[in-house]
Amino acid sequence: MPANLPPQYFKAEEEYKSAKTLPEKIAALEAMMAVMPHHKGTDKLRAQHTRHLSQLREQLESGGKGKRPSIYHIEKQGAAQTILVGPPNAGKSSILASLTHAAPHIADYPYTTAQPEIGMMPYRDIQIQIIDLPPTEGDVRKLPFYNLLRTADALVFVVDASGEPDAEVLLLVEELADGKVFTPLFGSGDLPVGGVRARALVALNKADSADAPAAAGKVREAVTDRIRVVAVSARDGTGIEALKDEIYGVVEIVRVYTKVPGKKADLGTPFVLARGSTVMDLAREIHRDFAEGFRFARIWGSGRFDGQSVERDHVLEDGDIIELHL
């Protein structure tokens, strides 16, 4: 059976052939597989690409040498992974320290972050991973942490209110788009081959400076209403709690608690699901048997009344308590 591959496949294949870095090769190969039709004629080709993609990812994780793992291969931990992105001396390390219990090296000169710094941000009863990357400049596809920019749950653009933050944000957005990482400024239309969508928000640092109010207005005008802007000060803590709220909102997750019939709800450790998940998604997350044996559920929270019976396609809201009946 012929493969009948679409034109987008061959375009991605050309990008793969011209790719010079492992992240570029991985992105192009992922794009080839994404547009490849599913039928018998492509089974063998898909299997080959799957094996090759696995090999490339292993090379990336090992630094391309088959030895120790790359410092830029960072496993997601906690409920979500968020990346701090920005130009030199914007205050990313200070914000990381304010959000988490991490103790990164902080100085008043640029390029003090030479490798990723990682911290866990406590938020209500979950933890969100925050990663501070070295400055993002130029062709992002050539950066060793390019794959992190593509796969993170959200990007936080950190810019300095005392500089030209509106221009810096737009430059970051443009550089990411050139690397096929598209923020909400580019709308919700079809992506080019190999492109990925990135959730994003802006942390305007040094909110305690005299320039901050005017700078915040310029940044909000630059990003219109498509990216949220939070004015913060890592120095005195202004806006840090608001930034935590915005990070939780932008990663688009919900916390859902479970309850055994006849017993109190387990409010210790929630299940964390993507926003828009249903009761059946929760059942699958708990165990495959729960999904297969599902009859109905009762809900406390987003139902019209406590203990309301809901079907498998009911969309869950943050803080819902669910009692599954099998």
C-alpha atoms as a PDB file:
ATOM      1  CA  MET A   1       0.000   0.000   0.000  1.00  0.00           C
ATOM      2  CA  PRO A   2       1.464   3.428  -0.946  1.00  0.00           C
ATOM      3  CA  ALA A   3       2.251   5.844   1.865  1.00  0.00           C
ATOM      4  CA  ASN A   4       0.516   8.851   0.224  1.00  0.00           C
ATOM      5  CA  LEU A   5       2.469  11.336   2.296  1.00  0.00           C
ATOM      6  CA  PRO A   6       1.241  14.973   2.322  1.00  0.00           C
ATOM      7  CA  PRO A   7       3.339  17.969   1.164  1.00  0.00           C
ATOM      8  CA  GLN A   8       3.842  19.034   4.813  1.00  0.00           C
ATOM      9  CA  TYR A   9       5.716  15.790   5.426  1.00  0.00           C
ATOM     10  CA  PHE A  10       8.268  16.485   2.705  1.00  0.00           C
ATOM     11  CA  LYS A  11       8.719  20.062   3.926  1.00  0.00           C
ATOM     12  CA  ALA A  12       9.467  18.761   7.422  1.00  0.00           C
ATOM     13  CA  GLU A  13      11.789  16.150   5.903  1.00  0.00           C
ATOM     14  CA  GLU A  14      13.798  18.893   4.198  1.00  0.00           C
ATOM     15  CA  GLU A  15      14.055  20.719   7.523  1.00  0.00           C
ATOM     16  CA  TYR A  16      15.260  17.493   9.116  1.00  0.00           C
ATOM     17  CA  LYS A  17      17.957  17.061   6.476  1.00  0.00           C
ATOM     18  CA  SER A  18      19.184  20.637   6.962  1.00  0.00           C
ATOM     19  CA  ALA A  19      19.028  20.510  10.790  1.00  0.00           C
ATOM     20  CA  LYS A  20      22.384  20.987  12.498  1.00  0.00           C
ATOM     21  CA  THR A  21      21.483  20.370  16.151  1.00  0.00           C
ATOM     22  CA  LEU A  22      19.779  17.515  17.976  1.00  0.00           C
ATOM     23  CA  PRO A  23      16.796  19.648  19.121  1.00  0.00           C
ATOM     24  CA  GLU A  24      16.257  20.788  15.512  1.00  0.00           C
ATOM     25  CA  LYS A  25      16.362  17.183  14.279  1.00  0.00           C
ATOM     26  CA  ILE A  26      13.941  16.071  16.994  1.00  0.00           C
ATOM     27  CA  ALA A  27      11.518  18.909  16.208  1.00  0.00           C
ATOM     28  CA  ALA A  28      11.567  18.149  12.469  1.00  0.00           C
ATOM     29  CA  LEU A  29      11.125  14.400  13.003  1.00  0.00           C
ATOM     30  CA  GLU A  30       8.222  15.033  15.390  1.00  0.00           C
ATOM     31  CA  ALA A  31       6.663  17.239  12.701  1.00  0.00           C
ATOM     32  CA  MET A  32       7.073  14.482  10.084  1.00  0.00           C
ATOM     33  CA  MET A  33       5.309  11.990  12.327  1.00  0.00           C
ATOM     34  CA  ALA A  34       2.552  14.466  13.240  1.00  0.00           C
ATOM     35  CA  VAL A  35       1.430  14.908   9.623  1.00  0.00           C
ATOM     36  CA  MET A  36       1.979  11.294   8.563  1.00  0.00           C
ATOM     37  CA  PRO A  37      -1.353   9.548   7.868  1.00  0.00           C
ATOM     38  CA  HIS A  38      -2.245   6.444   9.879  1.00  0.00           C
ATOM     39  CA  HIS A  39      -2.703   3.396   7.646  1.00  0.00           C
ATOM     40  CA  LYS A  40      -0.897   0.187   6.672  1.00  0.00           C
ATOM     41  CA  GLY A  41       1.193   1.940   4.048  1.00  0.00           C
ATOM     42  CA  THR A  42       2.938   4.069   6.705  1.00  0.00           C
ATOM     43  CA  ASP A  43       3.306   1.459   9.484  1.00  0.00           C
ATOM     44  CA  LYS A  44       6.903   0.528   8.610  1.00  0.00           C
ATOM     45  CA  LEU A  45       7.968   4.153   8.090  1.00  0.00           C
ATOM     46  CA  ARG A  46       6.327   5.212  11.358  1.00  0.00           C
ATOM     47  CA  ALA A  47       8.133   2.428  13.231  1.00  0.00           C
ATOM     48  CA  GLN A  48      11.471   3.541  11.735  1.00  0.00           C
ATOM     49  CA  HIS A  49      10.851   7.157  12.713  1.00  0.00           C
ATOM     50  CA  THR A  50       9.789   6.125  16.227  1.00  0.00           C
ATOM     51  CA  ARG A  51      13.032   4.206  16.747  1.00  0.00           C
ATOM     52  CA  HIS A  52      15.098   7.059  15.307  1.00  0.00           C
ATOM     53  CA  LEU A  53      13.293   9.627  17.468  1.00  0.00           C
ATOM     54  CA  SER A  54      13.987   7.539  20.555  1.00  0.00           C
ATOM     55  CA  GLN A  55      17.687   7.370  19.630  1.00  0.00           C
ATOM     56  CA  LEU A  56      17.891  11.140  19.102  1.00  0.00           C
ATOM     57  CA  ARG A  57      16.251  11.820  22.456  1.00  0.00           C
ATOM     58  CA  GLU A  58      18.704   9.475  24.164  1.00  0.00           C
ATOM     59  CA  GLN A  59      21.583  11.332  22.516  1.00  0.00           C
ATOM     60  CA  LEU A  60      20.165  14.649  23.676  1.00  0.00           C
ATOM     61  CA  GLU A  61      19.776  13.366  27.239  1.00  0.00           C
ATOM     62  CA  SER A  62      23.364  12.087  27.269  1.00  0.00           C
ATOM     63  CA  GLY A  63      24.820  15.286  25.867  1.00  0.00           C
ATOM     64  CA  GLY A  64      25.195  13.690  22.427  1.00  0.00           C
ATOM     65  CA  LYS A  65      28.174  11.593  23.571  1.00  0.00           C
ATOM     66  CA  GLY A  66      26.597   8.593  25.224  1.00  0.00           C
ATOM     67  CA  LYS A  67      28.135   9.556  28.574  1.00  0.00           C
ATOM     68  CA  ARG A  68      26.685  11.588  31.405  1.00  0.00           C
ATOM     69  CA  PRO A  69      23.277  13.261  30.928  1.00  0.00           C
ATOM     70  CA  SER A  70      23.125  16.794  29.567  1.00  0.00           C
ATOM     71  CA  ILE A  71      22.471  19.521  32.159  1.00  0.00           C
ATOM     72  CA  TYR A  72      19.719  20.708  29.823  1.00  0.00           C
ATOM     73  CA  HIS A  73      17.765  17.471  30.034  1.00  0.00           C
ATOM     74  CA  ILE A  74      15.456  18.240  32.960  1.00  0.00           C
ATOM     75  CA  GLU A  75      12.672  15.841  33.843  1.00  0.00           C
ATOM     76  CA  LYS A  76       9.352  17.448  34.697  1.00  0.00           C
ATOM     77  CA  GLN A  77       8.602  17.274  38.400  1.00  0.00           C
ATOM     78  CA  GLY A  78       5.602  18.396  40.374  1.00  0.00           C
ATOM     79  CA  ALA A  79       2.323  19.446  38.813  1.00  0.00           C
ATOM     80  CA  ALA A  80       3.840  21.448  35.932  1.00  0.00           C
ATOM     81  CA  GLN A  81       7.109  22.790  34.510  1.00  0.00           C
ATOM     82  CA  THR A  82       7.556  26.540  34.010  1.00  0.00           C
ATOM     83  CA  ILE A  83      10.596  28.228  32.440  1.00  0.00           C
ATOM     84  CA  LEU A  84      11.917  31.701  33.293  1.00  0.00           C
ATOM     85  CA  VAL A  85      13.067  33.288  30.016  1.00  0.00           C
ATOM     86  CA  GLY A  86      14.676  36.664  29.516  1.00  0.00           C
ATOM     87  CA  PRO A  87      17.616  38.862  28.556  1.00  0.00           C
ATOM     88  CA  PRO A  88      20.765  39.257  30.696  1.00  0.00           C
ATOM     89  CA  ASN A  89      20.408  40.941  34.093  1.00  0.00           C
ATOM     90  CA  ALA A  90      16.593  40.962  34.088  1.00  0.00           C
ATOM     91  CA  GLY A  91      16.436  39.412  37.544  1.00  0.00           C
ATOM     92  CA  LYS A  92      15.398  35.855  36.702  1.00  0.00           C
ATOM     93  CA  SER A  93      17.562  34.329  39.440  1.00  0.00           C
ATOM     94  CA  SER A  94      16.143  36.691  42.061  1.00  0.00           C
ATOM     95  CA  ILE A  95      12.600  35.804  41.018  1.00  0.00           C
ATOM     96  CA  LEU A  96      13.443  32.088  41.172  1.00  0.00           C
ATOM     97  CA  ALA A  97      14.675  32.597  44.724  1.00  0.00           C
ATOM     98  CA  SER A  98      11.500  34.517  45.625  1.00  0.00           C
ATOM     99  CA  LEU A  99       9.179  31.856  44.174  1.00  0.00           C
ATOM    100  CA  THR A 100      10.983  28.780  45.496  1.00  0.00           C
ATOM    101  CA  HIS A 101      13.454  27.652  48.139  1.00  0.00           C
ATOM    102  CA  ALA A 102      16.269  27.567  45.570  1.00  0.00           C
ATOM    103  CA  ALA A 103      19.458  29.550  46.242  1.00  0.00           C
ATOM    104  CA  PRO A 104      20.828  30.505  42.794  1.00  0.00           C
ATOM    105  CA  HIS A 105      23.923  32.659  42.357  1.00  0.00           C
ATOM    106  CA  ILE A 106      22.768  36.292  42.143  1.00  0.00           C
ATOM    107  CA  ALA A 107      24.938  39.266  41.137  1.00  0.00           C
ATOM    108  CA  ASP A 108      24.574  42.765  39.669  1.00  0.00           C
ATOM    109  CA  TYR A 109      26.337  41.860  36.436  1.00  0.00           C
ATOM    110  CA  PRO A 110      24.910  39.988  33.422  1.00  0.00           C
ATOM    111  CA  TYR A 111      25.304  36.292  32.519  1.00  0.00           C
ATOM    112  CA  THR A 112      25.602  35.070  36.118  1.00  0.00           C
ATOM    113  CA  THR A 113      23.301  32.146  35.209  1.00  0.00           C
ATOM    114  CA  ALA A 114      25.573  29.815  33.244  1.00  0.00           C
ATOM    115  CA  GLN A 115      23.452  26.680  33.603  1.00  0.00           C
ATOM    116  CA  PRO A 116      19.837  25.890  34.561  1.00  0.00           C
ATOM    117  CA  GLU A 117      18.804  26.597  38.131  1.00  0.00           C
ATOM    118  CA  ILE A 118      15.819  24.604  39.389  1.00  0.00           C
ATOM    119  CA  GLY A 119      13.386  25.154  42.248  1.00  0.00           C
ATOM    120  CA  MET A 120       9.971  23.895  43.328  1.00  0.00           C
ATOM    121  CA  MET A 121       7.268  26.494  43.957  1.00  0.00           C
ATOM    122  CA  PRO A 122       4.808  25.513  46.700  1.00  0.00           C
ATOM    123  CA  TYR A 123       1.297  26.509  45.668  1.00  0.00           C
ATOM    124  CA  ARG A 124      -1.663  25.521  47.823  1.00  0.00           C
ATOM    125  CA  ASP A 125      -1.237  21.732  48.103  1.00  0.00           C
ATOM    126  CA  ILE A 126       0.909  21.131  45.002  1.00  0.00           C
ATOM    127  CA  GLN A 127       4.402  21.964  43.740  1.00  0.00           C
ATOM    128  CA  ILE A 128       5.250  23.576  40.391  1.00  0.00           C
ATOM    129  CA  GLN A 129       8.748  23.235  38.935  1.00  0.00           C
ATOM    130  CA  ILE A 130      10.427  26.555  38.075  1.00  0.00           C
ATOM    131  CA  ILE A 131      13.573  26.590  35.905  1.00  0.00           C
ATOM    132  CA  ASP A 132      15.805  29.632  35.428  1.00  0.00           C
ATOM    133  CA  LEU A 133      17.671  29.386  32.112  1.00  0.00           C
ATOM    134  CA  PRO A 134      20.726  31.324  30.872  1.00  0.00           C
ATOM    135  CA  PRO A 135      19.812  34.430  28.834  1.00  0.00           C
ATOM    136  CA  THR A 136      17.789  33.766  25.689  1.00  0.00           C
ATOM    137  CA  GLU A 137      19.342  35.601  22.743  1.00  0.00           C
ATOM    138  CA  GLY A 138      19.551  35.143  18.973  1.00  0.00           C
ATOM    139  CA  ASP A 139      18.543  31.958  17.165  1.00  0.00           C
ATOM    140  CA  VAL A 140      16.828  29.879  19.848  1.00  0.00           C
ATOM    141  CA  ARG A 141      17.205  26.725  17.737  1.00  0.00           C
ATOM    142  CA  LYS A 142      20.953  26.844  18.366  1.00  0.00           C
ATOM    143  CA  LEU A 143      20.551  27.095  22.139  1.00  0.00           C
ATOM    144  CA  PRO A 144      21.281  23.911  24.098  1.00  0.00           C
ATOM    145  CA  PHE A 145      18.002  24.308  25.989  1.00  0.00           C
ATOM    146  CA  TYR A 146      15.854  24.720  22.851  1.00  0.00           C
ATOM    147  CA  ASN A 147      13.915  21.530  23.580  1.00  0.00           C
ATOM    148  CA  LEU A 148      12.961  22.837  27.039  1.00  0.00           C
ATOM    149  CA  LEU A 149      11.420  25.912  25.424  1.00  0.00           C
ATOM    150  CA  ARG A 150       9.317  23.628  23.227  1.00  0.00           C
ATOM    151  CA  THR A 151       8.106  21.223  25.890  1.00  0.00           C
ATOM    152  CA  ALA A 152       7.602  23.337  29.033  1.00  0.00           C
ATOM    153  CA  ASP A 153       4.065  23.848  30.302  1.00  0.00           C
ATOM    154  CA  ALA A 154       4.561  27.627  30.307  1.00  0.00           C
ATOM    155  CA  LEU A 155       7.145  30.353  29.731  1.00  0.00           C
ATOM    156  CA  VAL A 156       7.547  33.380  32.000  1.00  0.00           C
ATOM    157  CA  PHE A 157       9.203  36.316  30.237  1.00  0.00           C
ATOM    158  CA  VAL A 158      11.218  38.206  32.856  1.00  0.00           C
ATOM    159  CA  VAL A 159      12.082  41.791  31.885  1.00  0.00           C
ATOM    160  CA  ASP A 160      13.439  44.808  33.753  1.00  0.00           C
ATOM    161  CA  ALA A 161      11.107  47.793  34.292  1.00  0.00           C
ATOM    162  CA  SER A 162      14.068  50.180  34.302  1.00  0.00           C
ATOM    163  CA  GLY A 163      15.112  49.227  30.749  1.00  0.00           C
ATOM    164  CA  GLU A 164      12.982  48.841  27.617  1.00  0.00           C
ATOM    165  CA  PRO A 165      10.754  45.958  28.713  1.00  0.00           C
ATOM    166  CA  ASP A 166       8.174  46.304  25.925  1.00  0.00           C
ATOM    167  CA  ALA A 167      10.851  45.986  23.236  1.00  0.00           C
ATOM    168  CA  GLU A 168      12.520  43.118  25.115  1.00  0.00           C
ATOM    169  CA  VAL A 169       9.266  41.136  25.354  1.00  0.00           C
ATOM    170  CA  LEU A 170       8.512  41.596  21.659  1.00  0.00           C
ATOM    171  CA  LEU A 171      12.065  40.565  20.766  1.00  0.00           C
ATOM    172  CA  LEU A 172      11.735  37.384  22.863  1.00  0.00           C
ATOM    173  CA  VAL A 173       8.406  36.616  21.206  1.00  0.00           C
ATOM    174  CA  GLU A 174       9.916  37.155  17.750  1.00  0.00           C
ATOM    175  CA  GLU A 175      13.003  35.025  18.458  1.00  0.00           C
ATOM    176  CA  LEU A 176      10.840  32.182  19.768  1.00  0.00           C
ATOM    177  CA  ALA A 177       8.565  32.396  16.733  1.00  0.00           C
ATOM    178  CA  ASP A 178      11.612  32.200  14.447  1.00  0.00           C
ATOM    179  CA  GLY A 179      12.402  28.975  16.301  1.00  0.00           C
ATOM    180  CA  LYS A 180       8.802  27.759  15.788  1.00  0.00           C
ATOM    181  CA  VAL A 181       7.739  28.294  19.389  1.00  0.00           C
ATOM    182  CA  PHE A 182       4.568  30.392  19.149  1.00  0.00           C
ATOM    183  CA  THR A 183       3.155  32.407  22.044  1.00  0.00           C
ATOM    184  CA  PRO A 184      -0.471  33.641  22.336  1.00  0.00           C
ATOM    185  CA  LEU A 185       0.492  36.816  20.410  1.00  0.00           C
ATOM    186  CA  PHE A 186       0.286  34.695  17.260  1.00  0.00           C
ATOM    187  CA  GLY A 187      -3.359  33.766  17.820  1.00  0.00           C
ATOM    188  CA  SER A 188      -4.916  30.332  17.541  1.00  0.00           C
ATOM    189  CA  GLY A 189      -4.627  29.619  13.820  1.00  0.00           C
ATOM    190  CA  ASP A 190      -2.886  26.694  12.186  1.00  0.00           C
ATOM    191  CA  LEU A 191       0.776  26.256  13.076  1.00  0.00           C
ATOM    192  CA  PRO A 192       3.501  25.781  10.455  1.00  0.00           C
ATOM    193  CA  VAL A 193       5.130  22.376  10.219  1.00  0.00           C
ATOM    194  CA  GLY A 194       7.181  21.722  13.343  1.00  0.00           C
ATOM    195  CA  GLY A 195       5.610  24.592  15.277  1.00  0.00           C
ATOM    196  CA  VAL A 196       4.455  24.315  18.891  1.00  0.00           C
ATOM    197  CA  ARG A 197       2.246  26.530  21.012  1.00  0.00           C
ATOM    198  CA  ALA A 198       3.642  27.974  24.230  1.00  0.00           C
ATOM    199  CA  ARG A 199       1.595  29.379  27.097  1.00  0.00           C
ATOM    200  CA  ALA A 200       3.232  32.548  28.383  1.00  0.00           C
ATOM    201  CA  LEU A 201       3.043  35.449  30.798  1.00  0.00           C
ATOM    202  CA  VAL A 202       5.268  38.441  31.585  1.00  0.00           C
ATOM    203  CA  ALA A 203       6.929  39.166  34.937  1.00  0.00           C
ATOM    204  CA  LEU A 204       7.921  42.838  34.942  1.00  0.00           C
ATOM    205  CA  ASN A 205      10.705  42.979  37.536  1.00  0.00           C
ATOM    206  CA  LYS A 206      11.686  45.983  39.693  1.00  0.00           C
ATOM    207  CA  ALA A 207       8.084  47.057  40.273  1.00  0.00           C
ATOM    208  CA  ASP A 208       9.392  49.162  43.162  1.00  0.00           C
ATOM    209  CA  SER A 209      11.234  51.498  40.772  1.00  0.00           C
ATOM    210  CA  ALA A 210       9.927  54.887  39.643  1.00  0.00           C
ATOM    211  CA  ASP A 211       9.804  53.649  36.033  1.00  0.00           C
ATOM    212  CA  ALA A 212       7.552  50.683  36.802  1.00  0.00           C
ATOM    213  CA  PRO A 213       4.022  52.146  36.253  1.00  0.00           C
ATOM    214  CA  ALA A 214       4.877  53.592  32.838  1.00  0.00           C
ATOM    215  CA  ALA A 215       6.819  50.472  31.885  1.00  0.00           C
ATOM    216  CA  ALA A 216       3.892  48.227  32.821  1.00  0.00           C
ATOM    217  CA  GLY A 217       1.588  50.273  30.596  1.00  0.00           C
ATOM    218  CA  LYS A 218       3.973  49.949  27.647  1.00  0.00           C
ATOM    219  CA  VAL A 219       4.320  46.192  28.066  1.00  0.00           C
ATOM    220  CA  ARG A 220       0.555  45.672  28.333  1.00  0.00           C
ATOM    221  CA  GLU A 221       0.071  47.751  25.196  1.00  0.00           C
ATOM    222  CA  ALA A 222       2.728  45.717  23.376  1.00  0.00           C
ATOM    223  CA  VAL A 223       1.212  42.326  24.196  1.00  0.00           C
ATOM    224  CA  THR A 224      -2.403  43.604  23.960  1.00  0.00           C
ATOM    225  CA  ASP A 225      -4.624  41.363  26.080  1.00  0.00           C
ATOM    226  CA  ARG A 226      -3.169  38.061  24.890  1.00  0.00           C
ATOM    227  CA  ILE A 227      -0.447  37.704  27.532  1.00  0.00           C
ATOM    228  CA  ARG A 228      -0.916  38.559  31.188  1.00  0.00           C
ATOM    229  CA  VAL A 229       1.567  41.014  32.739  1.00  0.00           C
ATOM    230  CA  VAL A 230       2.468  40.926  36.445  1.00  0.00           C
ATOM    231  CA  ALA A 231       4.538  43.676  38.052  1.00  0.00           C
ATOM    232  CA  VAL A 232       6.863  42.177  40.655  1.00  0.00           C
ATOM    233  CA  SER A 233       9.819  43.123  42.799  1.00  0.00           C
ATOM    234  CA  ALA A 234      12.190  40.355  43.782  1.00  0.00           C
ATOM    235  CA  ARG A 235      13.787  42.902  46.135  1.00  0.00           C
ATOM    236  CA  ASP A 236      10.804  43.655  48.406  1.00  0.00           C
ATOM    237  CA  GLY A 237       8.392  40.855  47.443  1.00  0.00           C
ATOM    238  CA  THR A 238       5.844  43.039  45.655  1.00  0.00           C
ATOM    239  CA  GLY A 239       3.645  40.969  43.340  1.00  0.00           C
ATOM    240  CA  ILE A 240       5.295  37.617  44.104  1.00  0.00           C
ATOM    241  CA  GLU A 241       2.077  36.041  45.408  1.00  0.00           C
ATOM    242  CA  ALA A 242       0.200  37.424  42.392  1.00  0.00           C
ATOM    243  CA  LEU A 243       2.858  35.906  40.121  1.00  0.00           C
ATOM    244  CA  LYS A 244       2.324  32.521  41.772  1.00  0.00           C
ATOM    245  CA  ASP A 245      -1.405  32.811  41.067  1.00  0.00           C
ATOM    246  CA  GLU A 246      -0.733  33.711  37.435  1.00  0.00           C
ATOM    247  CA  ILE A 247       1.722  30.826  36.972  1.00  0.00           C
ATOM    248  CA  TYR A 248      -0.882  28.421  38.331  1.00  0.00           C
ATOM    249  CA  GLY A 249      -3.445  29.886  35.955  1.00  0.00           C
ATOM    250  CA  VAL A 250      -1.281  29.857  32.838  1.00  0.00           C
ATOM    251  CA  VAL A 251      -0.255  26.178  33.104  1.00  0.00           C
ATOM    252  CA  GLU A 252      -3.964  25.308  32.833  1.00  0.00           C
ATOM    253  CA  ILE A 253      -4.335  22.560  35.402  1.00  0.00           C
ATOM    254  CA  VAL A 254      -6.972  21.689  37.994  1.00  0.00           C
ATOM    255  CA  ARG A 255      -6.709  19.945  41.355  1.00  0.00           C
ATOM    256  CA  VAL A 256      -9.291  17.237  41.952  1.00  0.00           C
ATOM    257  CA  TYR A 257      -9.845  15.295  45.181  1.00  0.00           C
ATOM    258  CA  THR A 258     -11.354  11.845  45.580  1.00  0.00           C
ATOM    259  CA  LYS A 259     -13.793  10.383  48.063  1.00  0.00           C
ATOM    260  CA  VAL A 260     -14.601   6.755  48.864  1.00  0.00           C
ATOM    261  CA  PRO A 261     -18.376   6.210  49.273  1.00  0.00           C
ATOM    262  CA  GLY A 262     -19.353   6.507  52.919  1.00  0.00           C
ATOM    263  CA  LYS A 263     -16.040   8.088  53.956  1.00  0.00           C
ATOM    264  CA  LYS A 264     -14.570  11.586  54.172  1.00  0.00           C
ATOM    265  CA  ALA A 265     -12.812  13.094  51.153  1.00  0.00           C
ATOM    266  CA  ASP A 266      -9.040  12.712  50.835  1.00  0.00           C
ATOM    267  CA  LEU A 267      -7.948  16.350  50.896  1.00  0.00           C
ATOM    268  CA  GLY A 268      -4.260  15.567  51.338  1.00  0.00           C
ATOM    269  CA  THR A 269      -2.861  15.014  47.847  1.00  0.00           C
ATOM    270  CA  PRO A 270      -5.003  16.009  44.857  1.00  0.00           C
ATOM    271  CA  PHE A 271      -4.965  14.492  41.413  1.00  0.00           C
ATOM    272  CA  VAL A 272      -3.656  17.108  38.971  1.00  0.00           C
ATOM    273  CA  LEU A 273      -5.316  17.114  35.551  1.00  0.00           C
ATOM    274  CA  ALA A 274      -5.298  19.354  32.490  1.00  0.00           C
ATOM    275  CA  ARG A 275      -7.998  22.002  32.504  1.00  0.00           C
ATOM    276  CA  GLY A 276     -11.000  20.662  30.617  1.00  0.00           C
ATOM    277  CA  SER A 277     -10.542  17.094  31.871  1.00  0.00           C
ATOM    278  CA  THR A 278     -13.630  14.997  32.561  1.00  0.00           C
ATOM    279  CA  VAL A 279     -14.717  12.521  35.220  1.00  0.00           C
ATOM    280  CA  MET A 280     -13.599   9.709  32.895  1.00  0.00           C
ATOM    281  CA  ASP A 281     -10.136  11.284  32.578  1.00  0.00           C
ATOM    282  CA  LEU A 282      -9.890  11.177  36.378  1.00  0.00           C
ATOM    283  CA  ALA A 283     -11.010   7.545  36.426  1.00  0.00           C
ATOM    284  CA  ARG A 284      -8.281   6.623  33.919  1.00  0.00           C
ATOM    285  CA  GLU A 285      -5.712   8.539  35.947  1.00  0.00           C
ATOM    286  CA  ILE A 286      -6.574   6.569  39.079  1.00  0.00           C
ATOM    287  CA  HIS A 287      -6.546   3.133  37.443  1.00  0.00           C
ATOM    288  CA  ARG A 288      -7.597   1.481  34.205  1.00  0.00           C
ATOM    289  CA  ASP A 289     -10.086  -0.686  36.125  1.00  0.00           C
ATOM    290  CA  PHE A 290     -11.837   2.440  37.379  1.00  0.00           C
ATOM    291  CA  ALA A 291     -12.456   3.573  33.815  1.00  0.00           C
ATOM    292  CA  GLU A 292     -13.611   0.156  32.648  1.00  0.00           C
ATOM    293  CA  GLY A 293     -15.973  -0.374  35.588  1.00  0.00           C
ATOM    294  CA  PHE A 294     -17.303   3.189  35.796  1.00  0.00           C
ATOM    295  CA  ARG A 295     -21.061   3.555  36.496  1.00  0.00           C
ATOM    296  CA  PHE A 296     -21.493   7.134  37.680  1.00  0.00           C
ATOM    297  CA  ALA A 297     -19.925   9.699  39.998  1.00  0.00           C
ATOM    298  CA  ARG A 298     -21.030  12.131  42.670  1.00  0.00           C
ATOM    299  CA  ILE A 299     -19.497  15.581  42.857  1.00  0.00           C
ATOM    300  CA  TRP A 300     -18.960  18.221  45.502  1.00  0.00           C
ATOM    301  CA  GLY A 301     -17.862  21.583  44.146  1.00  0.00           C
ATOM    302  CA  SER A 302     -18.875  22.486  40.606  1.00  0.00           C
ATOM    303  CA  GLY A 303     -22.170  20.585  40.642  1.00  0.00           C
ATOM    304  CA  ARG A 304     -25.479  22.349  41.093  1.00  0.00           C
ATOM    305  CA  PHE A 305     -25.686  20.840  44.579  1.00  0.00           C
ATOM    306  CA  ASP A 306     -23.352  18.787  46.796  1.00  0.00           C
ATOM    307  CA  GLY A 307     -23.419  15.084  46.049  1.00  0.00           C
ATOM    308  CA  GLN A 308     -24.988  15.592  42.634  1.00  0.00           C
ATOM    309  CA  SER A 309     -24.743  12.585  40.319  1.00  0.00           C
ATOM    310  CA  VAL A 310     -22.723  13.318  37.155  1.00  0.00           C
ATOM    311  CA  GLU A 311     -21.865  11.353  34.021  1.00  0.00           C
ATOM    312  CA  ARG A 312     -18.455  10.407  32.662  1.00  0.00           C
ATOM    313  CA  ASP A 313     -18.232  13.468  30.374  1.00  0.00           C
ATOM    314  CA  HIS A 314     -18.744  16.036  33.152  1.00  0.00           C
ATOM    315  CA  VAL A 315     -15.926  18.618  32.994  1.00  0.00           C
ATOM    316  CA  LEU A 316     -14.068  18.975  36.279  1.00  0.00           C
ATOM    317  CA  GLU A 317     -13.276  22.286  37.954  1.00  0.00           C
ATOM    318  CA  ASP A 318     -10.446  23.201  40.320  1.00  0.00           C
ATOM    319  CA  GLY A 319     -11.152  21.943  43.834  1.00  0.00           C
ATOM    320  CA  ASP A 320     -13.865  19.435  42.895  1.00  0.00           C
ATOM    321  CA  ILE A 321     -14.342  16.374  45.100  1.00  0.00           C
ATOM    322  CA  ILE A 322     -15.346  13.239  43.189  1.00  0.00           C
ATOM    323  CA  GLU A 323     -16.823  10.005  44.480  1.00  0.00           C
ATOM    324  CA  LEU A 324     -16.581   7.288  41.838  1.00  0.00           C
ATOM    325  CA  HIS A 325     -19.099   4.432  41.724  1.00  0.00           C
ATOM    326  CA  LEU A 326     -18.052   1.289  39.870  1.00  0.00           C
END
